């Protein structure tokens, strides 16, 4: 390709997705210098420096940015912009669907996980598409496909991480509340000894024992909540957004 190379910018909502893309794209291009990234952890001055390098350095071909960090970027040097996020989420609620009809020669453009498009205007072609017999159960079939082909990999990635987080939280909560309880019991023993000698402690042994018992209840309830969270099952995924893109040549003729 002659002249300056084409520039590509990729937006994502999530920093972990950005980091994953940065590693994979750099590996595919066999040079990490061709990819730059901007996210919330990058200082403003460094963001400007990265943006300028992306614009002026012909060797920097791809810029990755989270949505928030990418605000205000000058995109005049960009030839192609991509919104890169998975089109499904097991916990996503609400849904929308639309039909888009394109009158053009077809060619394979590869997977398109995220599309920004306007709904097709009402007309003869749109009416034909909406009457296609397989369209009625397209959403349920897509959901079934996601459950069979995507959800296992998602769970295999997320569940171990979630289990590790819950285990760590359980250890920290148990350690903190148990330590506080033991301190209260020690103070209660000291207060009880003073009371036996006829002295007045800063806080009565009865009050300190009551606080220690309350901590026992707090710890038990916290552990029960963590156990419930660990047993939570994943909700079935729901289609968040869908778009059907067809060439006019694919449409059946209206009789």
C-alpha atoms as a PDB file:
ATOM      1  CA  UNK A   1       0.000   0.000   0.000  1.00  0.00           C
ATOM      2  CA  UNK A   2       1.609   3.251  -1.080  1.00  0.00           C
ATOM      3  CA  UNK A   3       1.569   6.553   0.758  1.00  0.00           C
ATOM      4  CA  UNK A   4       0.648   6.822   4.423  1.00  0.00           C
ATOM      5  CA  UNK A   5      -0.830   3.683   5.998  1.00  0.00           C
ATOM      6  CA  UNK A   6      -4.486   3.667   6.937  1.00  0.00           C
ATOM      7  CA  UNK A   7      -5.259   4.546  10.555  1.00  0.00           C
ATOM      8  CA  UNK A   8      -7.690   2.571  12.725  1.00  0.00           C
ATOM      9  CA  UNK A   9      -9.219   3.529  16.065  1.00  0.00           C
ATOM     10  CA  UNK A  10     -11.027   1.001  18.266  1.00  0.00           C
ATOM     11  CA  UNK A  11     -13.325   2.035  21.113  1.00  0.00           C
ATOM     12  CA  UNK A  12     -14.381  -0.231  23.980  1.00  0.00           C
ATOM     13  CA  UNK A  13     -16.203   0.363  27.245  1.00  0.00           C
ATOM     14  CA  UNK A  14     -13.945  -1.870  29.306  1.00  0.00           C
ATOM     15  CA  UNK A  15     -10.274  -1.513  30.151  1.00  0.00           C
ATOM     16  CA  UNK A  16      -9.705  -5.277  30.385  1.00  0.00           C
ATOM     17  CA  UNK A  17     -11.037  -5.648  26.837  1.00  0.00           C
ATOM     18  CA  UNK A  18      -8.674  -2.885  25.731  1.00  0.00           C
ATOM     19  CA  UNK A  19      -5.671  -4.623  27.325  1.00  0.00           C
ATOM     20  CA  UNK A  20      -6.645  -7.927  25.722  1.00  0.00           C
ATOM     21  CA  UNK A  21      -6.970  -6.284  22.293  1.00  0.00           C
ATOM     22  CA  UNK A  22      -3.650  -4.489  22.697  1.00  0.00           C
ATOM     23  CA  UNK A  23      -1.838  -7.764  23.319  1.00  0.00           C
ATOM     24  CA  UNK A  24      -3.575  -9.709  20.552  1.00  0.00           C
ATOM     25  CA  UNK A  25      -3.277  -6.993  17.893  1.00  0.00           C
ATOM     26  CA  UNK A  26       0.356  -6.322  18.765  1.00  0.00           C
ATOM     27  CA  UNK A  27       1.045 -10.043  18.442  1.00  0.00           C
ATOM     28  CA  UNK A  28      -0.707 -10.235  15.064  1.00  0.00           C
ATOM     29  CA  UNK A  29       1.191  -7.223  13.724  1.00  0.00           C
ATOM     30  CA  UNK A  30       4.396  -8.602  15.260  1.00  0.00           C
ATOM     31  CA  UNK A  31       5.212  -5.202  16.688  1.00  0.00           C
ATOM     32  CA  UNK A  32       3.758  -3.592  19.781  1.00  0.00           C
ATOM     33  CA  UNK A  33       4.909  -0.161  18.532  1.00  0.00           C
ATOM     34  CA  UNK A  34       2.109  -0.091  15.956  1.00  0.00           C
ATOM     35  CA  UNK A  35      -0.562  -0.041  18.677  1.00  0.00           C
ATOM     36  CA  UNK A  36      -1.216   2.689  21.247  1.00  0.00           C
ATOM     37  CA  UNK A  37      -3.835   2.719  24.017  1.00  0.00           C
ATOM     38  CA  UNK A  38      -5.644   5.412  25.991  1.00  0.00           C
ATOM     39  CA  UNK A  39      -7.692   4.596  29.100  1.00  0.00           C
ATOM     40  CA  UNK A  40      -8.674   6.153  32.412  1.00  0.00           C
ATOM     41  CA  UNK A  41      -5.292   5.365  33.949  1.00  0.00           C
ATOM     42  CA  UNK A  42      -3.414   7.486  31.386  1.00  0.00           C
ATOM     43  CA  UNK A  43      -2.729  11.068  32.461  1.00  0.00           C
ATOM     44  CA  UNK A  44      -4.106  13.892  30.328  1.00  0.00           C
ATOM     45  CA  UNK A  45      -0.702  15.087  29.107  1.00  0.00           C
ATOM     46  CA  UNK A  46       0.246  11.552  28.090  1.00  0.00           C
ATOM     47  CA  UNK A  47      -3.099  11.155  26.287  1.00  0.00           C
ATOM     48  CA  UNK A  48      -2.318  14.195  24.160  1.00  0.00           C
ATOM     49  CA  UNK A  49       1.127  12.824  23.415  1.00  0.00           C
ATOM     50  CA  UNK A  50      -0.289   9.428  22.373  1.00  0.00           C
ATOM     51  CA  UNK A  51      -2.976  11.069  20.212  1.00  0.00           C
ATOM     52  CA  UNK A  52      -0.382  13.238  18.490  1.00  0.00           C
ATOM     53  CA  UNK A  53       1.864  10.244  17.890  1.00  0.00           C
ATOM     54  CA  UNK A  54      -1.064   8.315  16.415  1.00  0.00           C
ATOM     55  CA  UNK A  55      -1.847  11.220  14.092  1.00  0.00           C
ATOM     56  CA  UNK A  56       1.690  12.028  12.926  1.00  0.00           C
ATOM     57  CA  UNK A  57       3.697   8.811  13.234  1.00  0.00           C
ATOM     58  CA  UNK A  58       3.059   6.584  10.201  1.00  0.00           C
ATOM     59  CA  UNK A  59       4.275   3.519  12.139  1.00  0.00           C
ATOM     60  CA  UNK A  60       1.494   3.867  14.733  1.00  0.00           C
ATOM     61  CA  UNK A  61      -1.434   2.381  12.876  1.00  0.00           C
ATOM     62  CA  UNK A  62      -3.976   1.504  15.584  1.00  0.00           C
ATOM     63  CA  UNK A  63      -5.271   3.469  18.574  1.00  0.00           C
ATOM     64  CA  UNK A  64      -7.278   1.704  21.289  1.00  0.00           C
ATOM     65  CA  UNK A  65      -9.362   3.824  23.658  1.00  0.00           C
ATOM     66  CA  UNK A  66     -12.005   3.338  26.310  1.00  0.00           C
ATOM     67  CA  UNK A  67     -15.151   5.360  25.643  1.00  0.00           C
ATOM     68  CA  UNK A  68     -14.557   7.797  28.519  1.00  0.00           C
ATOM     69  CA  UNK A  69     -10.836   8.310  27.841  1.00  0.00           C
ATOM     70  CA  UNK A  70     -11.432   8.754  24.121  1.00  0.00           C
ATOM     71  CA  UNK A  71     -13.642  11.820  24.502  1.00  0.00           C
ATOM     72  CA  UNK A  72     -12.288  14.828  22.655  1.00  0.00           C
ATOM     73  CA  UNK A  73      -9.961  12.900  20.355  1.00  0.00           C
ATOM     74  CA  UNK A  74      -9.352  14.435  16.928  1.00  0.00           C
ATOM     75  CA  UNK A  75     -10.435  11.744  14.477  1.00  0.00           C
ATOM     76  CA  UNK A  76      -9.544  13.558  11.249  1.00  0.00           C
ATOM     77  CA  UNK A  77      -6.618  11.201  10.614  1.00  0.00           C
ATOM     78  CA  UNK A  78      -8.737   8.089  11.158  1.00  0.00           C
ATOM     79  CA  UNK A  79      -9.733   6.001   8.162  1.00  0.00           C
ATOM     80  CA  UNK A  80     -11.801   3.443  10.094  1.00  0.00           C
ATOM     81  CA  UNK A  81     -13.450   3.485  13.525  1.00  0.00           C
ATOM     82  CA  UNK A  82     -14.723   0.372  15.330  1.00  0.00           C
ATOM     83  CA  UNK A  83     -16.856  -0.033  18.444  1.00  0.00           C
ATOM     84  CA  UNK A  84     -15.645  -3.301  19.894  1.00  0.00           C
ATOM     85  CA  UNK A  85     -17.795  -4.885  22.586  1.00  0.00           C
ATOM     86  CA  UNK A  86     -19.549  -8.223  22.801  1.00  0.00           C
ATOM     87  CA  UNK A  87     -23.187  -7.920  21.654  1.00  0.00           C
ATOM     88  CA  UNK A  88     -24.414 -10.085  24.548  1.00  0.00           C
ATOM     89  CA  UNK A  89     -24.214 -10.127  28.296  1.00  0.00           C
ATOM     90  CA  UNK A  90     -25.733 -12.817  30.559  1.00  0.00           C
ATOM     91  CA  UNK A  91     -27.057 -10.172  32.909  1.00  0.00           C
ATOM     92  CA  UNK A  92     -28.270  -7.724  30.281  1.00  0.00           C
ATOM     93  CA  UNK A  93     -31.880  -6.658  30.421  1.00  0.00           C
ATOM     94  CA  UNK A  94     -34.154  -5.075  27.842  1.00  0.00           C
ATOM     95  CA  UNK A  95     -33.790  -5.695  24.139  1.00  0.00           C
ATOM     96  CA  UNK A  96     -34.243  -4.172  20.760  1.00  0.00           C
ATOM     97  CA  UNK A  97     -34.258  -5.385  17.223  1.00  0.00           C
ATOM     98  CA  UNK A  98     -34.193  -3.700  13.864  1.00  0.00           C
ATOM     99  CA  UNK A  99     -34.122  -4.422  10.157  1.00  0.00           C
ATOM    100  CA  UNK A 100     -31.646  -2.791   7.819  1.00  0.00           C
ATOM    101  CA  UNK A 101     -31.800  -3.360   4.053  1.00  0.00           C
ATOM    102  CA  UNK A 102     -28.838  -2.580   1.827  1.00  0.00           C
ATOM    103  CA  UNK A 103     -29.002  -2.276  -1.944  1.00  0.00           C
ATOM    104  CA  UNK A 104     -25.425  -3.127  -2.943  1.00  0.00           C
ATOM    105  CA  UNK A 105     -23.136  -5.868  -4.160  1.00  0.00           C
ATOM    106  CA  UNK A 106     -22.444  -8.279  -1.319  1.00  0.00           C
ATOM    107  CA  UNK A 107     -18.986  -9.162  -0.075  1.00  0.00           C
ATOM    108  CA  UNK A 108     -17.763 -10.817   3.107  1.00  0.00           C
ATOM    109  CA  UNK A 109     -16.545  -8.313   5.681  1.00  0.00           C
ATOM    110  CA  UNK A 110     -15.955 -10.858   8.452  1.00  0.00           C
ATOM    111  CA  UNK A 111     -17.650 -10.860  11.856  1.00  0.00           C
ATOM    112  CA  UNK A 112     -19.432  -7.663  12.878  1.00  0.00           C
ATOM    113  CA  UNK A 113     -20.075  -7.939  16.631  1.00  0.00           C
ATOM    114  CA  UNK A 114     -21.260  -4.345  16.982  1.00  0.00           C
ATOM    115  CA  UNK A 115     -23.285  -2.348  14.479  1.00  0.00           C
ATOM    116  CA  UNK A 116     -24.554   1.209  14.649  1.00  0.00           C
ATOM    117  CA  UNK A 117     -27.301   1.500  12.044  1.00  0.00           C
ATOM    118  CA  UNK A 118     -30.639   3.162  11.546  1.00  0.00           C
ATOM    119  CA  UNK A 119     -33.822   1.161  11.126  1.00  0.00           C
ATOM    120  CA  UNK A 120     -34.951   0.645   7.556  1.00  0.00           C
ATOM    121  CA  UNK A 121     -37.848   2.885   6.502  1.00  0.00           C
ATOM    122  CA  UNK A 122     -41.237   1.283   5.987  1.00  0.00           C
ATOM    123  CA  UNK A 123     -41.720   0.071   2.452  1.00  0.00           C
ATOM    124  CA  UNK A 124     -42.315  -2.975   0.285  1.00  0.00           C
ATOM    125  CA  UNK A 125     -38.885  -4.517   0.949  1.00  0.00           C
ATOM    126  CA  UNK A 126     -39.174  -3.981   4.702  1.00  0.00           C
ATOM    127  CA  UNK A 127     -42.614  -5.587   4.730  1.00  0.00           C
ATOM    128  CA  UNK A 128     -41.275  -8.649   2.924  1.00  0.00           C
ATOM    129  CA  UNK A 129     -38.417  -9.045   5.400  1.00  0.00           C
ATOM    130  CA  UNK A 130     -40.662  -8.718   8.424  1.00  0.00           C
ATOM    131  CA  UNK A 131     -42.857 -11.448   6.988  1.00  0.00           C
ATOM    132  CA  UNK A 132     -40.036 -13.972   6.569  1.00  0.00           C
ATOM    133  CA  UNK A 133     -41.168 -17.154   8.386  1.00  0.00           C
ATOM    134  CA  UNK A 134     -37.865 -17.786  10.170  1.00  0.00           C
ATOM    135  CA  UNK A 135     -37.638 -14.279  11.617  1.00  0.00           C
ATOM    136  CA  UNK A 136     -40.251 -14.932  14.316  1.00  0.00           C
ATOM    137  CA  UNK A 137     -38.023 -17.318  16.274  1.00  0.00           C
ATOM    138  CA  UNK A 138     -34.690 -15.737  15.289  1.00  0.00           C
ATOM    139  CA  UNK A 139     -34.132 -14.246  18.754  1.00  0.00           C
ATOM    140  CA  UNK A 140     -34.791 -17.512  20.596  1.00  0.00           C
ATOM    141  CA  UNK A 141     -32.523 -19.386  18.171  1.00  0.00           C
ATOM    142  CA  UNK A 142     -29.786 -16.782  18.640  1.00  0.00           C
ATOM    143  CA  UNK A 143     -30.128 -17.072  22.420  1.00  0.00           C
ATOM    144  CA  UNK A 144     -29.869 -20.864  22.222  1.00  0.00           C
ATOM    145  CA  UNK A 145     -26.757 -20.543  20.067  1.00  0.00           C
ATOM    146  CA  UNK A 146     -25.159 -18.168  22.573  1.00  0.00           C
ATOM    147  CA  UNK A 147     -25.912 -20.546  25.452  1.00  0.00           C
ATOM    148  CA  UNK A 148     -24.419 -23.491  23.580  1.00  0.00           C
ATOM    149  CA  UNK A 149     -21.414 -21.786  21.973  1.00  0.00           C
ATOM    150  CA  UNK A 150     -20.462 -18.711  23.998  1.00  0.00           C
ATOM    151  CA  UNK A 151     -21.753 -19.098  27.554  1.00  0.00           C
ATOM    152  CA  UNK A 152     -19.521 -22.079  28.503  1.00  0.00           C
ATOM    153  CA  UNK A 153     -16.360 -20.132  27.617  1.00  0.00           C
ATOM    154  CA  UNK A 154     -17.669 -17.067  29.437  1.00  0.00           C
ATOM    155  CA  UNK A 155     -18.409 -19.061  32.588  1.00  0.00           C
ATOM    156  CA  UNK A 156     -15.080 -20.867  32.383  1.00  0.00           C
ATOM    157  CA  UNK A 157     -13.373 -17.470  32.420  1.00  0.00           C
ATOM    158  CA  UNK A 158     -15.552 -15.657  34.954  1.00  0.00           C
ATOM    159  CA  UNK A 159     -16.430 -18.288  37.557  1.00  0.00           C
ATOM    160  CA  UNK A 160     -12.861 -19.027  38.765  1.00  0.00           C
ATOM    161  CA  UNK A 161     -12.159 -15.306  39.066  1.00  0.00           C
ATOM    162  CA  UNK A 162     -15.426 -14.739  40.922  1.00  0.00           C
ATOM    163  CA  UNK A 163     -14.736 -17.675  43.241  1.00  0.00           C
ATOM    164  CA  UNK A 164     -11.283 -16.287  44.030  1.00  0.00           C
ATOM    165  CA  UNK A 165     -12.800 -12.881  44.815  1.00  0.00           C
ATOM    166  CA  UNK A 166     -15.416 -14.396  47.131  1.00  0.00           C
ATOM    167  CA  UNK A 167     -12.815 -16.557  48.862  1.00  0.00           C
ATOM    168  CA  UNK A 168     -10.583 -13.551  49.432  1.00  0.00           C
ATOM    169  CA  UNK A 169     -13.515 -11.497  50.742  1.00  0.00           C
ATOM    170  CA  UNK A 170     -14.508 -14.327  53.095  1.00  0.00           C
ATOM    171  CA  UNK A 171     -10.957 -14.478  54.495  1.00  0.00           C
ATOM    172  CA  UNK A 172     -10.723 -10.699  55.007  1.00  0.00           C
ATOM    173  CA  UNK A 173     -14.171 -10.402  56.626  1.00  0.00           C
ATOM    174  CA  UNK A 174     -13.584 -13.386  58.912  1.00  0.00           C
ATOM    175  CA  UNK A 175     -10.165 -12.101  59.955  1.00  0.00           C
ATOM    176  CA  UNK A 176     -11.367  -8.561  60.631  1.00  0.00           C
ATOM    177  CA  UNK A 177     -14.538  -9.435  62.567  1.00  0.00           C
ATOM    178  CA  UNK A 178     -12.886 -12.256  64.507  1.00  0.00           C
ATOM    179  CA  UNK A 179     -10.028  -9.974  65.523  1.00  0.00           C
ATOM    180  CA  UNK A 180     -12.479  -7.294  66.665  1.00  0.00           C
ATOM    181  CA  UNK A 181     -14.513  -9.877  68.582  1.00  0.00           C
ATOM    182  CA  UNK A 182     -11.424 -11.207  70.361  1.00  0.00           C
ATOM    183  CA  UNK A 183     -10.430  -7.660  71.316  1.00  0.00           C
ATOM    184  CA  UNK A 184     -13.869  -7.030  72.793  1.00  0.00           C
ATOM    185  CA  UNK A 185     -13.749 -10.269  74.785  1.00  0.00           C
ATOM    186  CA  UNK A 186     -10.311  -9.349  76.113  1.00  0.00           C
ATOM    187  CA  UNK A 187     -11.570  -5.897  77.109  1.00  0.00           C
ATOM    188  CA  UNK A 188     -14.615  -7.542  78.706  1.00  0.00           C
ATOM    189  CA  UNK A 189     -12.374  -9.802  80.805  1.00  0.00           C
ATOM    190  CA  UNK A 190     -10.333  -6.784  81.926  1.00  0.00           C
ATOM    191  CA  UNK A 191     -13.512  -4.845  82.745  1.00  0.00           C
ATOM    192  CA  UNK A 192     -14.905  -7.812  84.695  1.00  0.00           C
ATOM    193  CA  UNK A 193     -11.731  -7.987  86.785  1.00  0.00           C
ATOM    194  CA  UNK A 194     -12.004  -4.270  87.612  1.00  0.00           C
ATOM    195  CA  UNK A 195     -15.659  -4.714  88.547  1.00  0.00           C
ATOM    196  CA  UNK A 196     -14.745  -7.511  90.965  1.00  0.00           C
ATOM    197  CA  UNK A 197     -12.234  -5.169  92.632  1.00  0.00           C
ATOM    198  CA  UNK A 198     -14.927  -2.502  92.972  1.00  0.00           C
ATOM    199  CA  UNK A 199     -13.479  -0.284  90.279  1.00  0.00           C
ATOM    200  CA  UNK A 200     -15.525   1.279  87.505  1.00  0.00           C
ATOM    201  CA  UNK A 201     -14.231   0.382  84.013  1.00  0.00           C
ATOM    202  CA  UNK A 202     -14.577   2.709  81.041  1.00  0.00           C
ATOM    203  CA  UNK A 203     -17.180   0.292  79.606  1.00  0.00           C
ATOM    204  CA  UNK A 204     -18.978  -2.470  81.472  1.00  0.00           C
ATOM    205  CA  UNK A 205     -18.149  -6.119  80.814  1.00  0.00           C
ATOM    206  CA  UNK A 206     -21.822  -6.729  79.986  1.00  0.00           C
ATOM    207  CA  UNK A 207     -21.750  -4.094  77.228  1.00  0.00           C
ATOM    208  CA  UNK A 208     -18.516  -5.470  75.792  1.00  0.00           C
ATOM    209  CA  UNK A 209     -19.879  -9.048  75.798  1.00  0.00           C
ATOM    210  CA  UNK A 210     -23.014  -7.798  74.019  1.00  0.00           C
ATOM    211  CA  UNK A 211     -20.931  -6.110  71.309  1.00  0.00           C
ATOM    212  CA  UNK A 212     -18.889  -9.285  70.836  1.00  0.00           C
ATOM    213  CA  UNK A 213     -22.116 -11.290  70.415  1.00  0.00           C
ATOM    214  CA  UNK A 214     -23.353  -8.760  67.846  1.00  0.00           C
ATOM    215  CA  UNK A 215     -20.123  -9.237  65.882  1.00  0.00           C
ATOM    216  CA  UNK A 216     -20.751 -12.995  65.893  1.00  0.00           C
ATOM    217  CA  UNK A 217     -24.174 -12.367  64.345  1.00  0.00           C
ATOM    218  CA  UNK A 218     -22.674  -9.960  61.755  1.00  0.00           C
ATOM    219  CA  UNK A 219     -20.010 -12.490  60.795  1.00  0.00           C
ATOM    220  CA  UNK A 220     -22.530 -15.307  60.428  1.00  0.00           C
ATOM    221  CA  UNK A 221     -24.838 -13.202  58.236  1.00  0.00           C
ATOM    222  CA  UNK A 222     -21.908 -12.018  56.099  1.00  0.00           C
ATOM    223  CA  UNK A 223     -20.713 -15.577  55.534  1.00  0.00           C
ATOM    224  CA  UNK A 224     -24.255 -16.674  54.648  1.00  0.00           C
ATOM    225  CA  UNK A 225     -24.469 -13.856  52.079  1.00  0.00           C
ATOM    226  CA  UNK A 226     -21.124 -14.882  50.536  1.00  0.00           C
ATOM    227  CA  UNK A 227     -22.325 -18.492  50.385  1.00  0.00           C
ATOM    228  CA  UNK A 228     -25.471 -17.383  48.525  1.00  0.00           C
ATOM    229  CA  UNK A 229     -23.412 -15.334  46.094  1.00  0.00           C
ATOM    230  CA  UNK A 230     -21.181 -18.340  45.433  1.00  0.00           C
ATOM    231  CA  UNK A 231     -24.218 -20.519  44.680  1.00  0.00           C
ATOM    232  CA  UNK A 232     -25.813 -17.980  42.328  1.00  0.00           C
ATOM    233  CA  UNK A 233     -26.465 -19.388  38.889  1.00  0.00           C
ATOM    234  CA  UNK A 234     -26.041 -17.372  35.714  1.00  0.00           C
ATOM    235  CA  UNK A 235     -29.217 -15.954  34.230  1.00  0.00           C
ATOM    236  CA  UNK A 236     -29.958 -16.903  30.624  1.00  0.00           C
ATOM    237  CA  UNK A 237     -28.503 -14.318  28.225  1.00  0.00           C
ATOM    238  CA  UNK A 238     -30.858 -11.932  26.498  1.00  0.00           C
ATOM    239  CA  UNK A 239     -30.368 -10.247  23.146  1.00  0.00           C
ATOM    240  CA  UNK A 240     -29.477  -6.614  23.806  1.00  0.00           C
ATOM    241  CA  UNK A 241     -29.448  -5.386  20.207  1.00  0.00           C
ATOM    242  CA  UNK A 242     -29.869  -7.111  16.852  1.00  0.00           C
ATOM    243  CA  UNK A 243     -29.672  -5.967  13.261  1.00  0.00           C
ATOM    244  CA  UNK A 244     -30.512  -7.893  10.122  1.00  0.00           C
ATOM    245  CA  UNK A 245     -28.566  -6.708   7.068  1.00  0.00           C
ATOM    246  CA  UNK A 246     -29.715  -8.031   3.686  1.00  0.00           C
ATOM    247  CA  UNK A 247     -29.077  -7.250   0.070  1.00  0.00           C
ATOM    248  CA  UNK A 248     -32.160  -6.504  -1.988  1.00  0.00           C
ATOM    249  CA  UNK A 249     -31.214  -9.453  -4.188  1.00  0.00           C
ATOM    250  CA  UNK A 250     -31.778 -11.739  -1.190  1.00  0.00           C
ATOM    251  CA  UNK A 251     -35.396 -10.698  -0.780  1.00  0.00           C
ATOM    252  CA  UNK A 252     -38.199 -12.807  -2.245  1.00  0.00           C
ATOM    253  CA  UNK A 253     -40.240 -11.082  -4.917  1.00  0.00           C
ATOM    254  CA  UNK A 254     -43.605  -9.692  -3.815  1.00  0.00           C
ATOM    255  CA  UNK A 255     -46.424 -11.526  -5.560  1.00  0.00           C
END
